[in-house]
Amino acid sequence: MEKIAELRQQLTALKGEVRSLNSEGKVDEAEAKMAEVRSLNKQIEIESELDQSEQRGAEKQMEKREVTNQEENVLQANTVPTNTDEYRSAWFKILTGRQDEMTGEERKMMAKVVQENRQLGSASDKDGGYTIPQDISQQILRGIQELNSVRNLVKVVPKKAPSGSYTVRKGVAAKLFNTSEKQAIQELKNMEFDEITYNVKKFAGFLPAPNELLNDSFVDFVAEIKDWLIESSLTTENEEIFYGAGGETGVEGIITSNKFKSLTAPATLDIKFMRKVKNQIKQGYRKNAKFVMNTEAFEAISNIEDGVGRGLLAVDPRNEDAYTLFGRPVEVYDEIVTDDVTGKTHILFGDFQRAYYMFDRQVFEIKASDVAGNAFLTDQTLFRGIERFDGKVIDPEAMVVVKDVVVATPQA
């Protein structure tokens, strides 16, 4: 770009000389200078083509790097296929205490699964479970998404490897400059590229179940496991994505990261302040932005009226159960807490798909024990469920966090 700008400046100067010579009647000299003008034009054309070629090469290299990362993820994925009838049968036997019915091949296969899952944790984490069959994992994921899940809010990036890097684009595209013939073309400050590192974290919990459940059919057993993991995973993911502690061992939370722009709410919300919230992020982000808040904040905003007495919240004509604010969707997540002492909460506004990524293994693990804890004495089996994911702030410019929103009477 700098080379082209320099050549264009030379071209402008040469054209001036040609015009001067021509006006003085020095046609032959003007014609000689025109040869230099044509040569410079050709140089600029070549340089421009080279720049475009280098840009395409950089983009291809970036795409190649992402493909390489994906291939590495596949190589590091579990090598035991979990979508076969053989795996489903062995999985069911081992979790329901029917190990004596397992063949030698089934035992070997399940031992390998546990070993591979152990490798997904840290060096000190020797825990590992049995990967839930692929079709059941997909049913659990769909069940989570059908509820009020952050998976429907942020961008979910499936990952097979426990850690790695991911290339992302940041920023919004800039407008082309209005450039006159003699003016040097300016460089566009378009989207930037960055590499985000992720490291999936393990989240686990126990479910005590009566041993009678183990005598039920495969269908009934799977239904119980699915319902439990759907509910538990939904609560875990929503809370971690909003309030994760970050660092080496935690998910980076949207609210707790302190990376996004922030505004302090006035004592009483009004239309002027809410419009200010909307205008805190660039127009390129606003077109896909959403307002996210808890029920108490929703109620507070529903009481705001414009100058002619109309409520600030409008019913979405496409869905009578949905609302918009300044034309942007409003979504309610009660995982955004209201502090009991101060009566304050947060409101979020932005393009969540560009602001935050959830890196998800998209598989679940489970292990069973009838002797851990007090399971033996109570004639129960303890099921330990495990899921692994990470979350990262991607573009801090894509969202604004409104803090200190008063929605309840502070406690004395």
Protein backbone atom coordinates (compact mmCIF):
# COMPACT_ATOMS: atom_id res chain seq x y z
CA MET A 1 0.00 0.00 0.00
CA GLU A 2 2.83 2.43 0.84
CA LYS A 3 4.56 1.68 -2.47
CA ILE A 4 1.36 2.35 -4.41
CA ALA A 5 0.81 5.64 -2.56
CA GLU A 6 4.35 6.74 -3.46
CA LEU A 7 3.84 5.85 -7.14
CA ARG A 8 0.52 7.71 -7.22
CA GLN A 9 2.20 10.83 -5.87
CA GLN A 10 4.84 10.58 -8.65
CA LEU A 11 2.05 10.08 -11.18
CA THR A 12 0.23 13.20 -10.00
CA ALA A 13 3.42 15.25 -10.31
CA LEU A 14 4.15 13.89 -13.81
CA LYS A 15 0.62 14.67 -15.02
CA GLY A 16 1.11 18.25 -13.82
CA GLU A 17 4.32 18.51 -15.86
CA VAL A 18 2.57 17.12 -18.94
CA ARG A 19 -0.22 19.68 -18.64
CA SER A 20 2.29 22.53 -18.23
CA LEU A 21 4.34 21.48 -21.26
CA ASN A 22 1.23 21.00 -23.37
CA SER A 23 -0.12 24.45 -22.43
CA GLU A 24 3.22 25.97 -23.44
CA GLY A 25 2.97 24.29 -26.84
CA LYS A 26 5.84 21.90 -26.15
CA VAL A 27 3.95 18.98 -27.61
CA ASP A 28 6.95 16.67 -28.24
CA GLU A 29 8.21 17.08 -24.68
CA ALA A 30 4.70 16.56 -23.36
CA GLU A 31 4.41 13.36 -25.41
CA ALA A 32 7.73 12.12 -23.99
CA LYS A 33 6.47 12.72 -20.45
CA MET A 34 3.24 10.88 -21.29
CA ALA A 35 5.35 7.76 -21.89
CA GLU A 36 6.52 8.05 -18.27
CA VAL A 37 2.88 8.51 -17.16
CA ARG A 38 1.90 5.29 -18.98
CA SER A 39 4.84 3.46 -17.43
CA LEU A 40 3.90 4.62 -13.91
CA ASN A 41 0.27 3.62 -14.48
CA LYS A 42 1.48 0.14 -15.41
CA GLN A 43 3.69 -0.02 -12.30
CA ILE A 44 0.73 0.93 -10.11
CA GLU A 45 -1.40 -1.74 -11.76
CA ILE A 46 1.28 -4.38 -11.13
CA GLU A 47 1.81 -3.30 -7.50
CA SER A 48 -1.96 -3.39 -6.92
CA GLU A 49 -2.17 -6.90 -8.33
CA LEU A 50 0.74 -8.00 -6.13
CA ASP A 51 -0.97 -6.55 -3.04
CA GLN A 52 -4.19 -8.38 -3.86
CA SER A 53 -2.25 -11.60 -4.42
CA GLU A 54 -0.50 -11.23 -1.04
CA GLN A 55 -3.85 -10.55 0.65
CA ARG A 56 -5.37 -13.67 -0.91
CA GLY A 57 -2.31 -15.63 0.16
CA ALA A 58 -2.66 -14.40 3.74
CA GLU A 59 -6.35 -15.32 3.79
CA LYS A 60 -5.61 -18.78 2.38
CA GLN A 61 -2.87 -19.26 4.94
CA MET A 62 -5.32 -18.35 7.69
CA GLU A 63 -7.89 -20.79 6.30
CA LYS A 64 -5.18 -23.45 6.04
CA ARG A 65 -4.17 -22.83 9.66
CA GLU A 66 -7.77 -23.27 10.82
CA VAL A 67 -8.13 -26.47 8.77
CA THR A 68 -4.88 -27.73 10.31
CA ASN A 69 -6.21 -26.95 13.79
CA GLN A 70 -9.40 -28.83 12.97
CA GLU A 71 -7.42 -31.81 11.66
CA GLU A 72 -5.33 -31.82 14.83
CA ASN A 73 -8.52 -31.76 16.86
CA VAL A 74 -9.83 -34.77 14.94
CA LEU A 75 -6.56 -36.64 15.49
CA GLN A 76 -6.77 -35.95 19.22
CA ALA A 77 -10.42 -36.99 19.44
CA ASN A 78 -11.47 -40.28 21.00
CA THR A 79 -10.49 -43.09 18.65
CA VAL A 80 -13.29 -45.39 19.84
CA PRO A 81 -16.44 -44.80 17.73
CA THR A 82 -19.36 -44.12 20.07
CA ASN A 83 -22.11 -44.24 17.45
CA THR A 84 -22.23 -48.01 17.02
CA ASP A 85 -24.66 -50.57 18.43
CA GLU A 86 -21.69 -52.42 19.93
CA TYR A 87 -20.64 -49.38 21.92
CA ARG A 88 -24.19 -48.62 23.09
CA SER A 89 -24.58 -52.17 24.33
CA ALA A 90 -21.26 -52.18 26.22
CA TRP A 91 -21.96 -48.73 27.68
CA PHE A 92 -25.34 -49.85 29.00
CA LYS A 93 -23.92 -53.05 30.50
CA ILE A 94 -21.08 -51.36 32.36
CA LEU A 95 -23.28 -48.59 33.82
CA THR A 96 -26.00 -50.95 35.00
CA GLY A 97 -23.66 -53.40 36.73
CA ARG A 98 -23.78 -56.12 34.09
CA GLN A 99 -20.01 -56.36 33.59
CA ASP A 100 -20.25 -60.14 33.82
CA GLU A 101 -22.18 -60.08 30.55
CA MET A 102 -19.45 -58.17 28.71
CA THR A 103 -17.14 -59.80 26.19
CA GLY A 104 -13.38 -59.38 26.25
CA GLU A 105 -13.57 -56.98 23.30
CA GLU A 106 -16.18 -54.87 25.07
CA ARG A 107 -14.06 -54.63 28.22
CA LYS A 108 -11.03 -53.61 26.19
CA MET A 109 -13.03 -50.99 24.28
CA MET A 110 -14.49 -49.39 27.42
CA ALA A 111 -11.11 -49.34 29.19
CA LYS A 112 -9.67 -47.46 26.22
CA VAL A 113 -12.50 -44.89 26.37
CA VAL A 114 -11.81 -44.17 30.06
CA GLN A 115 -8.09 -43.82 29.38
CA GLU A 116 -8.68 -41.37 26.52
CA ASN A 117 -11.08 -39.29 28.61
CA ARG A 118 -8.52 -39.10 31.42
CA GLN A 119 -6.11 -37.50 28.95
CA LEU A 120 -8.54 -34.61 28.45
CA GLY A 121 -7.94 -33.38 32.00
CA SER A 122 -4.93 -31.78 33.63
CA ALA A 123 -1.86 -33.73 34.69
CA SER A 124 -3.24 -34.05 38.21
CA ASP A 125 -6.74 -35.02 37.04
CA LYS A 126 -6.90 -38.78 36.69
CA ASP A 127 -10.68 -38.86 36.47
CA GLY A 128 -12.34 -40.30 33.41
CA GLY A 129 -15.80 -41.49 32.51
CA TYR A 130 -17.46 -43.48 29.77
CA THR A 131 -18.39 -41.32 26.80
CA ILE A 132 -22.14 -41.26 26.32
CA PRO A 133 -23.08 -42.71 22.91
CA GLN A 134 -23.00 -40.09 20.20
CA ASP A 135 -26.71 -40.10 19.40
CA ILE A 136 -27.62 -39.69 23.09
CA SER A 137 -25.10 -36.83 23.46
CA GLN A 138 -26.76 -35.11 20.51
CA GLN A 139 -30.18 -35.58 22.09
CA ILE A 140 -28.88 -33.99 25.31
CA LEU A 141 -27.47 -31.02 23.35
CA ARG A 142 -30.77 -30.54 21.53
CA GLY A 143 -32.62 -30.76 24.83
CA ILE A 144 -30.41 -28.01 26.28
CA GLN A 145 -30.93 -25.78 23.23
CA GLU A 146 -34.70 -26.16 23.45
CA LEU A 147 -34.55 -24.49 26.87
CA ASN A 148 -33.36 -20.98 27.76
CA SER A 149 -29.71 -21.79 27.08
CA VAL A 150 -26.74 -19.50 26.47
CA ARG A 151 -25.97 -21.86 23.60
CA ASN A 152 -28.71 -19.97 21.74
CA LEU A 153 -27.10 -16.64 22.63
CA VAL A 154 -23.31 -16.92 22.10
CA LYS A 155 -21.40 -18.64 19.30
CA VAL A 156 -20.72 -22.31 20.02
CA VAL A 157 -17.52 -23.68 18.46
CA PRO A 158 -17.31 -27.51 18.56
CA LYS A 159 -13.85 -28.77 19.49
CA LYS A 160 -12.44 -32.28 19.81
CA ALA A 161 -9.10 -31.47 21.41
CA PRO A 162 -8.83 -30.44 25.08
CA SER A 163 -6.96 -27.25 24.13
CA GLY A 164 -5.76 -25.31 21.13
CA SER A 165 -6.10 -22.02 19.26
CA TYR A 166 -8.79 -20.56 17.03
CA THR A 167 -8.49 -17.73 14.50
CA VAL A 168 -11.18 -15.06 14.83
CA ARG A 169 -12.05 -11.80 13.10
CA LYS A 170 -12.61 -8.70 15.20
CA GLY A 171 -14.13 -5.32 14.40
CA VAL A 172 -16.56 -4.16 11.72
CA ALA A 173 -15.86 -3.36 8.06
CA ALA A 174 -14.96 0.24 7.28
CA LYS A 175 -16.45 2.44 4.56
CA LEU A 176 -14.55 2.94 1.30
CA PHE A 177 -13.02 6.40 0.93
CA ASN A 178 -14.26 8.91 -1.65
CA THR A 179 -10.98 9.45 -3.52
CA SER A 180 -10.36 11.97 -6.30
CA GLU A 181 -8.10 11.22 -9.25
CA LYS A 182 -5.09 13.01 -7.79
CA GLN A 183 -5.55 11.85 -4.22
CA ALA A 184 -3.60 8.92 -2.80
CA ILE A 185 -5.84 5.99 -1.92
CA GLN A 186 -6.07 5.51 1.84
CA GLU A 187 -5.68 2.20 3.66
CA LEU A 188 -8.90 0.69 4.99
CA LYS A 189 -8.94 -0.16 8.68
CA ASN A 190 -11.06 -3.26 8.30
CA MET A 191 -11.53 -6.24 10.57
CA GLU A 192 -8.48 -7.53 12.40
CA PHE A 193 -7.54 -11.17 12.90
CA ASP A 194 -6.54 -12.64 16.22
CA GLU A 195 -5.78 -16.07 17.66
CA ILE A 196 -7.75 -17.12 20.73
CA THR A 197 -6.47 -19.98 22.87
CA TYR A 198 -8.92 -22.27 24.64
CA ASN A 199 -8.58 -25.00 27.25
CA VAL A 200 -11.73 -26.96 28.00
CA LYS A 201 -12.66 -27.19 31.69
CA LYS A 202 -14.28 -30.18 33.38
CA PHE A 203 -17.62 -29.83 35.17
CA ALA A 204 -18.91 -32.83 37.08
CA GLY A 205 -21.61 -33.84 39.55
CA PHE A 206 -23.25 -36.88 41.12
CA LEU A 207 -26.79 -38.18 40.69
CA PRO A 208 -27.95 -40.73 43.29
CA ALA A 209 -30.37 -43.18 41.71
CA PRO A 210 -32.25 -46.16 43.20
CA ASN A 211 -30.92 -49.48 42.07
CA GLU A 212 -34.36 -50.32 40.68
CA LEU A 213 -33.55 -47.93 37.86
CA LEU A 214 -30.80 -50.27 36.70
CA ASN A 215 -33.35 -53.01 36.15
CA ASP A 216 -35.39 -50.84 33.78
CA SER A 217 -35.12 -50.99 30.02
CA PHE A 218 -32.42 -49.24 28.04
CA VAL A 219 -34.98 -46.64 26.93
CA ASP A 220 -36.06 -45.81 30.50
CA PHE A 221 -32.48 -45.70 31.75
CA VAL A 222 -31.38 -43.34 28.97
CA ALA A 223 -34.41 -41.09 29.55
CA GLU A 224 -33.44 -40.60 33.21
CA ILE A 225 -29.81 -39.89 32.36
CA LYS A 226 -30.81 -37.45 29.60
CA ASP A 227 -33.21 -35.47 31.77
CA TRP A 228 -30.63 -35.17 34.55
CA LEU A 229 -27.78 -34.05 32.30
CA ILE A 230 -29.97 -31.61 30.35
CA GLU A 231 -31.05 -29.84 33.52
CA SER A 232 -27.63 -29.91 35.17
CA SER A 233 -25.73 -28.85 32.06
CA LEU A 234 -28.15 -26.01 31.34
CA THR A 235 -27.66 -24.54 34.82
CA THR A 236 -23.88 -25.03 34.72
CA GLU A 237 -23.35 -23.55 31.26
CA ASN A 238 -25.58 -20.51 31.83
CA GLU A 239 -23.92 -19.63 35.13
CA GLU A 240 -20.37 -20.18 33.87
CA ILE A 241 -20.81 -18.19 30.66
CA PHE A 242 -22.17 -15.22 32.60
CA TYR A 243 -20.09 -15.45 35.80
CA GLY A 244 -17.11 -17.74 35.14
CA ALA A 245 -13.98 -16.94 37.16
CA GLY A 246 -11.62 -17.09 34.15
CA GLY A 247 -7.90 -17.74 34.42
CA GLU A 248 -6.26 -21.11 33.86
CA THR A 249 -8.93 -23.13 35.63
CA GLY A 250 -12.15 -21.24 34.94
CA VAL A 251 -14.39 -20.19 32.09
CA GLU A 252 -14.15 -16.48 31.25
CA GLY A 253 -17.51 -14.99 32.20
CA ILE A 254 -19.21 -12.26 30.19
CA ILE A 255 -19.98 -10.16 33.28
CA THR A 256 -16.96 -11.07 35.43
CA SER A 257 -14.34 -10.64 32.70
CA ASN A 258 -14.57 -6.81 32.86
CA LYS A 259 -13.40 -6.74 29.23
CA PHE A 260 -16.51 -5.20 27.72
CA LYS A 261 -17.47 -1.53 27.79
CA SER A 262 -19.50 -0.65 30.87
CA LEU A 263 -22.03 1.98 31.88
CA THR A 264 -23.30 2.73 35.37
CA ALA A 265 -27.08 2.96 35.45
CA PRO A 266 -28.80 5.98 37.00
CA ALA A 267 -30.96 5.53 40.10
CA THR A 268 -34.01 5.31 37.83
CA LEU A 269 -33.91 3.97 34.28
CA ASP A 270 -35.36 6.22 31.59
CA ILE A 271 -35.64 6.28 27.81
CA LYS A 272 -32.70 8.65 27.42
CA PHE A 273 -30.33 6.32 29.28
CA MET A 274 -31.52 3.19 27.46
CA ARG A 275 -30.94 4.92 24.11
CA LYS A 276 -27.44 5.78 25.32
CA VAL A 277 -26.87 2.09 26.06
CA LYS A 278 -27.87 1.16 22.52
CA ASN A 279 -25.52 3.75 21.02
CA GLN A 280 -22.51 2.59 23.03
CA ILE A 281 -21.58 0.07 20.35
CA LYS A 282 -20.96 0.72 16.67
CA GLN A 283 -23.77 0.43 14.15
CA GLY A 284 -22.09 -2.60 12.54
CA TYR A 285 -22.62 -4.51 15.79
CA ARG A 286 -26.08 -3.10 16.54
CA LYS A 287 -27.80 -4.72 13.56
CA ASN A 288 -27.51 -8.19 15.19
CA ALA A 289 -27.50 -7.05 18.82
CA LYS A 290 -29.80 -8.13 21.66
CA PHE A 291 -30.71 -6.86 25.10
CA VAL A 292 -30.23 -9.53 27.78
CA MET A 293 -31.46 -9.11 31.37
CA ASN A 294 -33.21 -10.87 34.22
CA THR A 295 -36.94 -10.74 34.97
CA GLU A 296 -36.60 -7.92 37.49
CA ALA A 297 -34.75 -5.71 35.00
CA PHE A 298 -37.35 -6.58 32.37
CA GLU A 299 -40.10 -5.42 34.73
CA ALA A 300 -38.22 -2.17 35.46
CA ILE A 301 -37.87 -1.38 31.76
CA SER A 302 -41.49 -2.30 31.05
CA ASN A 303 -42.51 0.64 33.27
CA ILE A 304 -40.61 3.17 31.14
CA GLU A 305 -42.80 5.21 28.80
CA ASP A 306 -41.99 7.50 25.90
CA GLY A 307 -43.20 11.10 25.52
CA VAL A 308 -46.72 10.03 24.49
CA GLY A 309 -47.24 7.40 27.17
CA ARG A 310 -46.32 4.31 25.17
CA GLY A 311 -44.29 1.59 26.87
CA LEU A 312 -40.65 1.37 25.84
CA LEU A 313 -40.90 -2.38 25.33
CA ALA A 314 -42.76 -3.38 22.18
CA VAL A 315 -44.32 -6.74 21.36
CA ASP A 316 -42.50 -8.42 18.47
CA PRO A 317 -45.14 -8.69 15.70
CA ARG A 318 -43.65 -12.04 14.68
CA ASN A 319 -44.04 -13.53 18.17
CA GLU A 320 -46.50 -12.26 20.77
CA ASP A 321 -44.39 -13.77 23.58
CA ALA A 322 -41.28 -11.83 22.50
CA TYR A 323 -40.42 -8.16 23.02
CA THR A 324 -38.13 -5.63 21.41
CA LEU A 325 -36.43 -2.50 22.71
CA PHE A 326 -35.53 0.13 20.08
CA GLY A 327 -36.23 -2.60 17.54
CA ARG A 328 -33.73 -5.05 19.02
CA PRO A 329 -34.78 -8.36 20.65
CA VAL A 330 -35.01 -8.63 24.44
CA GLU A 331 -34.14 -11.97 26.07
CA VAL A 332 -34.58 -12.86 29.73
CA TYR A 333 -32.00 -14.93 31.60
CA ASP A 334 -32.54 -15.18 35.34
CA GLU A 335 -29.01 -16.51 35.75
CA ILE A 336 -28.10 -12.80 35.70
CA VAL A 337 -28.56 -12.33 39.43
CA THR A 338 -29.89 -9.42 41.47
CA ASP A 339 -27.76 -8.71 44.54
CA ASP A 340 -29.93 -9.25 47.62
CA VAL A 341 -28.14 -6.54 49.61
CA THR A 342 -27.95 -3.73 47.05
CA GLY A 343 -30.97 -4.65 44.92
CA LYS A 344 -28.82 -4.14 41.80
CA THR A 345 -28.28 -6.24 38.68
CA HIS A 346 -26.80 -6.03 35.15
CA ILE A 347 -28.20 -5.47 31.67
CA LEU A 348 -26.25 -6.61 28.61
CA PHE A 349 -26.53 -5.29 25.06
CA GLY A 350 -24.55 -6.36 22.03
CA ASP A 351 -23.85 -8.85 19.27
CA PHE A 352 -23.26 -11.91 21.44
CA GLN A 353 -22.32 -14.11 18.50
CA ARG A 354 -19.32 -11.90 17.79
CA ALA A 355 -18.57 -10.90 21.36
CA TYR A 356 -18.22 -14.35 22.95
CA TYR A 357 -17.40 -17.94 21.91
CA MET A 358 -18.15 -21.14 23.80
CA PHE A 359 -15.64 -23.90 22.93
CA ASP A 360 -17.50 -27.14 23.45
CA ARG A 361 -16.51 -30.80 23.17
CA GLN A 362 -20.20 -31.64 22.56
CA VAL A 363 -19.92 -35.02 24.25
CA PHE A 364 -20.74 -36.09 27.80
CA GLU A 365 -19.14 -38.68 30.04
CA ILE A 366 -20.68 -40.75 32.78
CA LYS A 367 -19.51 -43.27 35.35
CA ALA A 368 -21.37 -45.29 37.98
CA SER A 369 -20.54 -46.66 41.43
CA ASP A 370 -22.60 -48.57 44.01
CA VAL A 371 -19.93 -48.25 46.72
CA ALA A 372 -18.85 -44.60 46.58
CA GLY A 373 -20.11 -42.36 49.38
CA ASN A 374 -23.02 -43.98 51.16
CA ALA A 375 -24.36 -45.67 48.01
CA PHE A 376 -23.82 -49.19 49.39
CA LEU A 377 -25.68 -48.48 52.65
CA THR A 378 -28.63 -46.80 50.91
CA ASP A 379 -28.93 -49.35 48.09
CA GLN A 380 -28.30 -46.69 45.48
CA THR A 381 -25.98 -46.16 42.56
CA LEU A 382 -24.18 -42.86 42.17
CA PHE A 383 -23.87 -41.63 38.60
CA ARG A 384 -21.14 -39.10 37.94
CA GLY A 385 -21.78 -36.89 34.92
CA ILE A 386 -19.01 -34.90 33.23
CA GLU A 387 -19.04 -32.27 30.49
CA ARG A 388 -16.16 -30.18 29.22
CA PHE A 389 -16.21 -26.69 27.69
CA ASP A 390 -14.50 -23.31 27.79
CA GLY A 391 -15.63 -19.76 27.06
CA LYS A 392 -13.74 -16.70 25.86
CA VAL A 393 -14.40 -13.04 25.21
CA ILE A 394 -13.66 -12.55 21.50
CA ASP A 395 -14.47 -8.96 20.62
CA PRO A 396 -14.79 -6.50 23.56
CA GLU A 397 -16.17 -3.82 21.21
CA ALA A 398 -19.23 -5.92 20.38
CA MET A 399 -21.01 -5.55 23.73
CA VAL A 400 -21.73 -3.14 26.57
CA VAL A 401 -22.47 -4.15 30.18
CA VAL A 402 -24.77 -1.91 32.21
CA LYS A 403 -23.99 -2.26 35.91
CA ASP A 404 -25.69 -1.12 39.11
CA VAL A 405 -29.20 -1.36 37.65
CA VAL A 406 -31.51 -0.86 40.65
CA VAL A 407 -34.46 -3.25 40.43
CA ALA A 408 -35.25 -3.95 44.10
CA THR A 409 -35.27 -2.14 47.43
CA PRO A 410 -31.84 -2.47 49.08
CA GLN A 411 -31.80 -4.32 52.39
CA ALA A 412 -31.08 -2.22 55.45
